[in-house]
Amino acid sequence: MRHPSSQLAAGHRPADLIPPGTHPGEVVIVQTTGPNYAGRILLTIAIAGGTALVIVVLAYAFQTMTAAAAAAVPAVGGAGVTVKLTRKGR
């Protein structure tokens, strides 16, 4: 695109960006595209998924430790402990 008319036809606006005293036929101005957010979106999804996975693993580990402690108490102290999960609302 060597001519201002072809720049205008392509959607460029050289008249606003050409310095004073410069011949418009010798300048080619190319506008940049907008920002790409794909990487940021994928990073956010990965962080959210990783956080959810960590929470699930911690909940499973807590459940396992609680069950192990409930099974060990009768052997150690002679008392019985029952872990009961209840459902609320049906």
PDB file of N, CA and C in Angstrom:
ATOM      1  N   MET A   1       0.847  -1.177   0.000  1.00  0.00           N
ATOM      2  CA  MET A   1       0.000   0.000   0.000  1.00  0.00           C
ATOM      3  C   MET A   1       0.888   1.235   0.000  1.00  0.00           C
ATOM      4  N   ARG A   2       1.086   1.759  -1.166  1.00  0.00           N
ATOM      5  CA  ARG A   2       1.940   2.936  -1.292  1.00  0.00           C
ATOM      6  C   ARG A   2       1.140   4.229  -1.374  1.00  0.00           C
ATOM      7  N   HIS A   3      -0.143   4.144  -1.653  1.00  0.00           N
ATOM      8  CA  HIS A   3      -0.944   5.352  -1.838  1.00  0.00           C
ATOM      9  C   HIS A   3      -1.925   5.523  -0.679  1.00  0.00           C
ATOM     10  N   PRO A   4      -2.193   6.771  -0.293  1.00  0.00           N
ATOM     11  CA  PRO A   4      -3.126   7.011   0.797  1.00  0.00           C
ATOM     12  C   PRO A   4      -4.522   6.452   0.514  1.00  0.00           C
ATOM     13  N   SER A   5      -4.942   6.436  -0.750  1.00  0.00           N
ATOM     14  CA  SER A   5      -6.281   5.924  -1.054  1.00  0.00           C
ATOM     15  C   SER A   5      -6.385   4.431  -0.739  1.00  0.00           C
ATOM     16  N   SER A   6      -5.328   3.670  -1.001  1.00  0.00           N
ATOM     17  CA  SER A   6      -5.364   2.243  -0.678  1.00  0.00           C
ATOM     18  C   SER A   6      -5.296   2.025   0.837  1.00  0.00           C
ATOM     19  N   GLN A   7      -4.610   2.918   1.549  1.00  0.00           N
ATOM     20  CA  GLN A   7      -4.594   2.824   3.006  1.00  0.00           C
ATOM     21  C   GLN A   7      -5.986   3.079   3.578  1.00  0.00           C
ATOM     22  N   LEU A   8      -6.677   4.085   3.038  1.00  0.00           N
ATOM     23  CA  LEU A   8      -8.029   4.380   3.507  1.00  0.00           C
ATOM     24  C   LEU A   8      -8.979   3.236   3.141  1.00  0.00           C
ATOM     25  N   ALA A   9      -8.807   2.647   1.968  1.00  0.00           N
ATOM     26  CA  ALA A   9      -9.651   1.529   1.559  1.00  0.00           C
ATOM     27  C   ALA A   9      -9.433   0.316   2.466  1.00  0.00           C
ATOM     28  N   ALA A  10      -8.223   0.169   2.998  1.00  0.00           N
ATOM     29  CA  ALA A  10      -7.922  -0.950   3.882  1.00  0.00           C
ATOM     30  C   ALA A  10      -8.350  -0.677   5.321  1.00  0.00           C
ATOM     31  N   GLY A  11      -8.856   0.509   5.604  1.00  0.00           N
ATOM     32  CA  GLY A  11      -9.327   0.813   6.951  1.00  0.00           C
ATOM     33  C   GLY A  11      -8.308   1.546   7.804  1.00  0.00           C
ATOM     34  N   HIS A  12      -7.183   1.938   7.233  1.00  0.00           N
ATOM     35  CA  HIS A  12      -6.177   2.687   7.995  1.00  0.00           C
ATOM     36  C   HIS A  12      -6.541   4.168   7.997  1.00  0.00           C
ATOM     37  N   ARG A  13      -6.115   4.859   9.015  1.00  0.00           N
ATOM     38  CA  ARG A  13      -6.380   6.288   9.122  1.00  0.00           C
ATOM     39  C   ARG A  13      -5.053   7.047   9.181  1.00  0.00           C
ATOM     40  N   PRO A  14      -4.378   7.206   8.075  1.00  0.00           N
ATOM     41  CA  PRO A  14      -3.050   7.832   8.125  1.00  0.00           C
ATOM     42  C   PRO A  14      -3.086   9.332   8.369  1.00  0.00           C
ATOM     43  N   ALA A  15      -4.173  10.015   8.064  1.00  0.00           N
ATOM     44  CA  ALA A  15      -4.195  11.472   8.188  1.00  0.00           C
ATOM     45  C   ALA A  15      -4.011  11.911   9.636  1.00  0.00           C
ATOM     46  N   ASP A  16      -4.472  11.112  10.591  1.00  0.00           N
ATOM     47  CA  ASP A  16      -4.347  11.484  11.996  1.00  0.00           C
ATOM     48  C   ASP A  16      -2.947  11.215  12.540  1.00  0.00           C
ATOM     49  N   LEU A  17      -2.223  10.326  11.899  1.00  0.00           N
ATOM     50  CA  LEU A  17      -0.958   9.874  12.459  1.00  0.00           C
ATOM     51  C   LEU A  17       0.281  10.350  11.703  1.00  0.00           C
ATOM     52  N   ILE A  18       0.116  11.004  10.587  1.00  0.00           N
ATOM     53  CA  ILE A  18       1.261  11.468   9.797  1.00  0.00           C
ATOM     54  C   ILE A  18       1.780  12.777  10.379  1.00  0.00           C
ATOM     55  N   PRO A  19       3.087  12.845  10.675  1.00  0.00           N
ATOM     56  CA  PRO A  19       3.657  14.092  11.211  1.00  0.00           C
ATOM     57  C   PRO A  19       3.587  15.226  10.186  1.00  0.00           C
ATOM     58  N   PRO A  20       3.518  16.469  10.647  1.00  0.00           N
ATOM     59  CA  PRO A  20       3.482  17.603   9.709  1.00  0.00           C
ATOM     60  C   PRO A  20       4.749  17.656   8.863  1.00  0.00           C
ATOM     61  N   GLY A  21       4.599  18.016   7.591  1.00  0.00           N
ATOM     62  CA  GLY A  21       5.731  18.143   6.690  1.00  0.00           C
ATOM     63  C   GLY A  21       6.106  16.843   5.994  1.00  0.00           C
ATOM     64  N   THR A  22       5.418  15.767   6.244  1.00  0.00           N
ATOM     65  CA  THR A  22       5.709  14.481   5.613  1.00  0.00           C
ATOM     66  C   THR A  22       4.712  14.265   4.483  1.00  0.00           C
ATOM     67  N   HIS A  23       5.208  13.764   3.350  1.00  0.00           N
ATOM     68  CA  HIS A  23       4.336  13.498   2.214  1.00  0.00           C
ATOM     69  C   HIS A  23       3.526  12.224   2.491  1.00  0.00           C
ATOM     70  N   PRO A  24       2.188  12.289   2.392  1.00  0.00           N
ATOM     71  CA  PRO A  24       1.366  11.122   2.727  1.00  0.00           C
ATOM     72  C   PRO A  24       1.619   9.908   1.839  1.00  0.00           C
ATOM     73  N   GLY A  25       2.119  10.125   0.649  1.00  0.00           N
ATOM     74  CA  GLY A  25       2.373   8.993  -0.243  1.00  0.00           C
ATOM     75  C   GLY A  25       3.579   8.170   0.152  1.00  0.00           C
ATOM     76  N   GLU A  26       4.409   8.669   1.044  1.00  0.00           N
ATOM     77  CA  GLU A  26       5.622   7.957   1.444  1.00  0.00           C
ATOM     78  C   GLU A  26       5.475   7.239   2.793  1.00  0.00           C
ATOM     79  N   VAL A  27       4.296   7.314   3.372  1.00  0.00           N
ATOM     80  CA  VAL A  27       4.104   6.756   4.705  1.00  0.00           C
ATOM     81  C   VAL A  27       3.089   5.615   4.638  1.00  0.00           C
ATOM     82  N   VAL A  28       3.407   4.521   5.290  1.00  0.00           N
ATOM     83  CA  VAL A  28       2.459   3.417   5.451  1.00  0.00           C
ATOM     84  C   VAL A  28       2.249   3.231   6.940  1.00  0.00           C
ATOM     85  N   ILE A  29       1.006   3.323   7.375  1.00  0.00           N
ATOM     86  CA  ILE A  29       0.678   3.195   8.785  1.00  0.00           C
ATOM     87  C   ILE A  29      -0.173   1.943   8.960  1.00  0.00           C
ATOM     88  N   VAL A  30       0.257   1.082   9.848  1.00  0.00           N
ATOM     89  CA  VAL A  30      -0.465  -0.150  10.116  1.00  0.00           C
ATOM     90  C   VAL A  30      -0.910  -0.126  11.570  1.00  0.00           C
ATOM     91  N   GLN A  31      -2.183  -0.351  11.794  1.00  0.00           N
ATOM     92  CA  GLN A  31      -2.702  -0.357  13.156  1.00  0.00           C
ATOM     93  C   GLN A  31      -2.587  -1.764  13.737  1.00  0.00           C
ATOM     94  N   THR A  32      -2.316  -1.842  15.008  1.00  0.00           N
ATOM     95  CA  THR A  32      -2.191  -3.138  15.666  1.00  0.00           C
ATOM     96  C   THR A  32      -3.565  -3.697  16.006  1.00  0.00           C
ATOM     97  N   THR A  33      -3.616  -4.995  16.197  1.00  0.00           N
ATOM     98  CA  THR A  33      -4.867  -5.643  16.567  1.00  0.00           C
ATOM     99  C   THR A  33      -5.100  -5.480  18.071  1.00  0.00           C
ATOM    100  N   GLY A  34      -6.292  -5.815  18.495  1.00  0.00           N
ATOM    101  CA  GLY A  34      -6.633  -5.729  19.911  1.00  0.00           C
ATOM    102  C   GLY A  34      -5.934  -6.823  20.706  1.00  0.00           C
ATOM    103  N   PRO A  35      -5.967  -6.727  22.022  1.00  0.00           N
ATOM    104  CA  PRO A  35      -5.299  -7.722  22.871  1.00  0.00           C
ATOM    105  C   PRO A  35      -5.990  -9.080  22.790  1.00  0.00           C
ATOM    106  N   ASN A  36      -5.220 -10.137  22.994  1.00  0.00           N
ATOM    107  CA  ASN A  36      -5.731 -11.501  22.986  1.00  0.00           C
ATOM    108  C   ASN A  36      -5.824 -11.985  24.432  1.00  0.00           C
ATOM    109  N   TYR A  37      -7.014 -12.384  24.853  1.00  0.00           N
ATOM    110  CA  TYR A  37      -7.243 -12.778  26.234  1.00  0.00           C
ATOM    111  C   TYR A  37      -7.280 -14.291  26.418  1.00  0.00           C
ATOM    112  N   ALA A  38      -6.997 -15.063  25.375  1.00  0.00           N
ATOM    113  CA  ALA A  38      -7.104 -16.527  25.465  1.00  0.00           C
ATOM    114  C   ALA A  38      -6.163 -17.082  26.533  1.00  0.00           C
ATOM    115  N   GLY A  39      -4.939 -16.608  26.597  1.00  0.00           N
ATOM    116  CA  GLY A  39      -3.991 -17.105  27.591  1.00  0.00           C
ATOM    117  C   GLY A  39      -4.432 -16.807  29.015  1.00  0.00           C
ATOM    118  N   ARG A  40      -4.952 -15.616  29.227  1.00  0.00           N
ATOM    119  CA  ARG A  40      -5.407 -15.239  30.569  1.00  0.00           C
ATOM    120  C   ARG A  40      -6.618 -16.066  30.989  1.00  0.00           C
ATOM    121  N   ILE A  41      -7.510 -16.326  30.042  1.00  0.00           N
ATOM    122  CA  ILE A  41      -8.702 -17.120  30.353  1.00  0.00           C
ATOM    123  C   ILE A  41      -8.304 -18.554  30.683  1.00  0.00           C
ATOM    124  N   LEU A  42      -7.407 -19.134  29.892  1.00  0.00           N
ATOM    125  CA  LEU A  42      -6.959 -20.497  30.166  1.00  0.00           C
ATOM    126  C   LEU A  42      -6.223 -20.585  31.502  1.00  0.00           C
ATOM    127  N   LEU A  43      -5.434 -19.588  31.832  1.00  0.00           N
ATOM    128  CA  LEU A  43      -4.738 -19.574  33.116  1.00  0.00           C
ATOM    129  C   LEU A  43      -5.731 -19.516  34.276  1.00  0.00           C
ATOM    130  N   THR A  44      -6.770 -18.706  34.143  1.00  0.00           N
ATOM    131  CA  THR A  44      -7.794 -18.609  35.185  1.00  0.00           C
ATOM    132  C   THR A  44      -8.523 -19.934  35.364  1.00  0.00           C
ATOM    133  N   ILE A  45      -8.847 -20.605  34.245  1.00  0.00           N
ATOM    134  CA  ILE A  45      -9.513 -21.907  34.325  1.00  0.00           C
ATOM    135  C   ILE A  45      -8.602 -22.932  34.980  1.00  0.00           C
ATOM    136  N   ALA A  46      -7.312 -22.908  34.629  1.00  0.00           N
ATOM    137  CA  ALA A  46      -6.364 -23.853  35.229  1.00  0.00           C
ATOM    138  C   ALA A  46      -6.219 -23.620  36.729  1.00  0.00           C
ATOM    139  N   ILE A  47      -6.166 -22.377  37.153  1.00  0.00           N
ATOM    140  CA  ILE A  47      -6.048 -22.072  38.580  1.00  0.00           C
ATOM    141  C   ILE A  47      -7.311 -22.511  39.322  1.00  0.00           C
ATOM    142  N   ALA A  48      -8.477 -22.238  38.743  1.00  0.00           N
ATOM    143  CA  ALA A  48      -9.730 -22.636  39.391  1.00  0.00           C
ATOM    144  C   ALA A  48      -9.832 -24.160  39.491  1.00  0.00           C
ATOM    145  N   GLY A  49      -9.453 -24.854  38.429  1.00  0.00           N
ATOM    146  CA  GLY A  49      -9.483 -26.320  38.466  1.00  0.00           C
ATOM    147  C   GLY A  49      -8.490 -26.892  39.461  1.00  0.00           C
ATOM    148  N   GLY A  50      -7.307 -26.311  39.530  1.00  0.00           N
ATOM    149  CA  GLY A  50      -6.312 -26.766  40.497  1.00  0.00           C
ATOM    150  C   GLY A  50      -6.754 -26.533  41.924  1.00  0.00           C
ATOM    151  N   THR A  51      -7.375 -25.394  42.163  1.00  0.00           N
ATOM    152  CA  THR A  51      -7.883 -25.099  43.506  1.00  0.00           C
ATOM    153  C   THR A  51      -8.971 -26.090  43.905  1.00  0.00           C
ATOM    154  N   ALA A  52      -9.881 -26.374  42.975  1.00  0.00           N
ATOM    155  CA  ALA A  52     -10.948 -27.347  43.263  1.00  0.00           C
ATOM    156  C   ALA A  52     -10.363 -28.728  43.540  1.00  0.00           C
ATOM    157  N   LEU A  53      -9.348 -29.113  42.789  1.00  0.00           N
ATOM    158  CA  LEU A  53      -8.713 -30.416  42.989  1.00  0.00           C
ATOM    159  C   LEU A  53      -8.047 -30.491  44.359  1.00  0.00           C
ATOM    160  N   VAL A  54      -7.370 -29.435  44.764  1.00  0.00           N
ATOM    161  CA  VAL A  54      -6.723 -29.400  46.081  1.00  0.00           C
ATOM    162  C   VAL A  54      -7.765 -29.511  47.188  1.00  0.00           C
ATOM    163  N   ILE A  55      -8.891 -28.829  47.042  1.00  0.00           N
ATOM    164  CA  ILE A  55      -9.948 -28.896  48.058  1.00  0.00           C
ATOM    165  C   ILE A  55     -10.514 -30.311  48.158  1.00  0.00           C
ATOM    166  N   VAL A  56     -10.719 -30.969  47.013  1.00  0.00           N
ATOM    167  CA  VAL A  56     -11.239 -32.342  47.027  1.00  0.00           C
ATOM    168  C   VAL A  56     -10.243 -33.287  47.692  1.00  0.00           C
ATOM    169  N   VAL A  57      -8.966 -33.145  47.386  1.00  0.00           N
ATOM    170  CA  VAL A  57      -7.941 -34.005  47.993  1.00  0.00           C
ATOM    171  C   VAL A  57      -7.867 -33.766  49.498  1.00  0.00           C
ATOM    172  N   LEU A  58      -7.928 -32.523  49.943  1.00  0.00           N
ATOM    173  CA  LEU A  58      -7.905 -32.237  51.375  1.00  0.00           C
ATOM    174  C   LEU A  58      -9.137 -32.803  52.081  1.00  0.00           C
ATOM    175  N   ALA A  59     -10.301 -32.717  51.441  1.00  0.00           N
ATOM    176  CA  ALA A  59     -11.518 -33.270  52.047  1.00  0.00           C
ATOM    177  C   ALA A  59     -11.406 -34.792  52.168  1.00  0.00           C
ATOM    178  N   TYR A  60     -10.882 -35.440  51.138  1.00  0.00           N
ATOM    179  CA  TYR A  60     -10.709 -36.894  51.196  1.00  0.00           C
ATOM    180  C   TYR A  60      -9.696 -37.281  52.279  1.00  0.00           C
ATOM    181  N   ALA A  61      -8.605 -36.538  52.379  1.00  0.00           N
ATOM    182  CA  ALA A  61      -7.602 -36.831  53.405  1.00  0.00           C
ATOM    183  C   ALA A  61      -8.189 -36.623  54.807  1.00  0.00           C
ATOM    184  N   PHE A  62      -8.977 -35.579  54.997  1.00  0.00           N
ATOM    185  CA  PHE A  62      -9.607 -35.337  56.294  1.00  0.00           C
ATOM    186  C   PHE A  62     -10.577 -36.466  56.643  1.00  0.00           C
ATOM    187  N   GLN A  63     -11.350 -36.921  55.649  1.00  0.00           N
ATOM    188  CA  GLN A  63     -12.283 -38.022  55.875  1.00  0.00           C
ATOM    189  C   GLN A  63     -11.535 -39.303  56.262  1.00  0.00           C
ATOM    190  N   THR A  64     -10.429 -39.573  55.581  1.00  0.00           N
ATOM    191  CA  THR A  64      -9.636 -40.763  55.876  1.00  0.00           C
ATOM    192  C   THR A  64      -9.026 -40.679  57.280  1.00  0.00           C
ATOM    193  N   MET A  65      -8.502 -39.510  57.634  1.00  0.00           N
ATOM    194  CA  MET A  65      -7.918 -39.349  58.974  1.00  0.00           C
ATOM    195  C   MET A  65      -8.983 -39.484  60.061  1.00  0.00           C
ATOM    196  N   THR A  66     -10.170 -38.949  59.810  1.00  0.00           N
ATOM    197  CA  THR A  66     -11.249 -39.059  60.787  1.00  0.00           C
ATOM    198  C   THR A  66     -11.669 -40.513  60.976  1.00  0.00           C
ATOM    199  N   ALA A  67     -11.790 -41.254  59.891  1.00  0.00           N
ATOM    200  CA  ALA A  67     -12.170 -42.669  59.978  1.00  0.00           C
ATOM    201  C   ALA A  67     -11.089 -43.483  60.686  1.00  0.00           C
ATOM    202  N   ALA A  68      -9.827 -43.166  60.405  1.00  0.00           N
ATOM    203  CA  ALA A  68      -8.726 -43.878  61.056  1.00  0.00           C
ATOM    204  C   ALA A  68      -8.699 -43.568  62.553  1.00  0.00           C
ATOM    205  N   ALA A  69      -8.939 -42.321  62.909  1.00  0.00           N
ATOM    206  CA  ALA A  69      -8.955 -41.953  64.327  1.00  0.00           C
ATOM    207  C   ALA A  69     -10.124 -42.623  65.040  1.00  0.00           C
ATOM    208  N   ALA A  70     -11.289 -42.706  64.394  1.00  0.00           N
ATOM    209  CA  ALA A  70     -12.446 -43.346  65.007  1.00  0.00           C
ATOM    210  C   ALA A  70     -12.215 -44.841  65.184  1.00  0.00           C
ATOM    211  N   ALA A  71     -11.473 -45.441  64.269  1.00  0.00           N
ATOM    212  CA  ALA A  71     -11.176 -46.873  64.395  1.00  0.00           C
ATOM    213  C   ALA A  71     -10.104 -47.129  65.446  1.00  0.00           C
ATOM    214  N   ALA A  72      -9.224 -46.163  65.683  1.00  0.00           N
ATOM    215  CA  ALA A  72      -8.125 -46.364  66.627  1.00  0.00           C
ATOM    216  C   ALA A  72      -8.523 -46.100  68.074  1.00  0.00           C
ATOM    217  N   VAL A  73      -9.536 -45.273  68.295  1.00  0.00           N
ATOM    218  CA  VAL A  73      -9.915 -44.905  69.660  1.00  0.00           C
ATOM    219  C   VAL A  73     -10.332 -46.120  70.492  1.00  0.00           C
ATOM    220  N   PRO A  74     -11.154 -47.060  70.000  1.00  0.00           N
ATOM    221  CA  PRO A  74     -11.509 -48.207  70.841  1.00  0.00           C
ATOM    222  C   PRO A  74     -10.306 -49.077  71.202  1.00  0.00           C
ATOM    223  N   ALA A  75      -9.340 -49.151  70.301  1.00  0.00           N
ATOM    224  CA  ALA A  75      -8.172 -49.976  70.587  1.00  0.00           C
ATOM    225  C   ALA A  75      -7.279 -49.324  71.634  1.00  0.00           C
ATOM    226  N   VAL A  76      -7.245 -48.016  71.670  1.00  0.00           N
ATOM    227  CA  VAL A  76      -6.356 -47.311  72.590  1.00  0.00           C
ATOM    228  C   VAL A  76      -7.013 -47.091  73.950  1.00  0.00           C
ATOM    229  N   GLY A  77      -8.215 -46.524  73.950  1.00  0.00           N
ATOM    230  CA  GLY A  77      -8.824 -46.141  75.224  1.00  0.00           C
ATOM    231  C   GLY A  77      -9.959 -47.022  75.677  1.00  0.00           C
ATOM    232  N   GLY A  78     -10.424 -47.902  74.846  1.00  0.00           N
ATOM    233  CA  GLY A  78     -11.515 -48.772  75.233  1.00  0.00           C
ATOM    234  C   GLY A  78     -12.886 -48.148  75.065  1.00  0.00           C
ATOM    235  N   ALA A  79     -12.979 -46.916  74.560  1.00  0.00           N
ATOM    236  CA  ALA A  79     -14.268 -46.268  74.352  1.00  0.00           C
ATOM    237  C   ALA A  79     -14.642 -46.359  72.883  1.00  0.00           C
ATOM    238  N   GLY A  80     -15.905 -46.288  72.600  1.00  0.00           N
ATOM    239  CA  GLY A  80     -16.372 -46.356  71.213  1.00  0.00           C
ATOM    240  C   GLY A  80     -16.723 -44.969  70.687  1.00  0.00           C
ATOM    241  N   VAL A  81     -16.353 -44.696  69.447  1.00  0.00           N
ATOM    242  CA  VAL A  81     -16.675 -43.434  68.791  1.00  0.00           C
ATOM    243  C   VAL A  81     -17.321 -43.770  67.454  1.00  0.00           C
ATOM    244  N   THR A  82     -18.436 -43.144  67.172  1.00  0.00           N
ATOM    245  CA  THR A  82     -19.124 -43.374  65.906  1.00  0.00           C
ATOM    246  C   THR A  82     -19.149 -42.072  65.125  1.00  0.00           C
ATOM    247  N   VAL A  83     -18.720 -42.142  63.876  1.00  0.00           N
ATOM    248  CA  VAL A  83     -18.781 -40.982  62.990  1.00  0.00           C
ATOM    249  C   VAL A  83     -19.998 -41.184  62.105  1.00  0.00           C
ATOM    250  N   LYS A  84     -20.960 -40.274  62.203  1.00  0.00           N
ATOM    251  CA  LYS A  84     -22.202 -40.425  61.473  1.00  0.00           C
ATOM    252  C   LYS A  84     -22.431 -39.186  60.612  1.00  0.00           C
ATOM    253  N   LEU A  85     -22.626 -39.411  59.312  1.00  0.00           N
ATOM    254  CA  LEU A  85     -22.927 -38.317  58.402  1.00  0.00           C
ATOM    255  C   LEU A  85     -24.426 -38.312  58.171  1.00  0.00           C
ATOM    256  N   THR A  86     -25.056 -37.166  58.369  1.00  0.00           N
ATOM    257  CA  THR A  86     -26.501 -37.069  58.204  1.00  0.00           C
ATOM    258  C   THR A  86     -26.827 -36.237  56.986  1.00  0.00           C
ATOM    259  N   ARG A  87     -27.958 -36.555  56.378  1.00  0.00           N
ATOM    260  CA  ARG A  87     -28.446 -35.775  55.246  1.00  0.00           C
ATOM    261  C   ARG A  87     -29.543 -34.831  55.751  1.00  0.00           C
ATOM    262  N   LYS A  88     -29.463 -33.601  55.320  1.00  0.00           N
ATOM    263  CA  LYS A  88     -30.471 -32.636  55.738  1.00  0.00           C
ATOM    264  C   LYS A  88     -31.365 -32.328  54.541  1.00  0.00           C
ATOM    265  N   GLY A  89     -32.654 -32.412  54.777  1.00  0.00           N
ATOM    266  CA  GLY A  89     -33.628 -32.046  53.758  1.00  0.00           C
ATOM    267  C   GLY A  89     -33.728 -33.055  52.627  1.00  0.00           C
ATOM    268  N   ARG A  90     -34.929 -33.379  52.259  1.00  0.00           N
ATOM    269  CA  ARG A  90     -35.138 -34.278  51.125  1.00  0.00           C
ATOM    270  C   ARG A  90     -36.185 -33.717  50.231  1.00  0.00           C
TER     271      ARG A  90
END
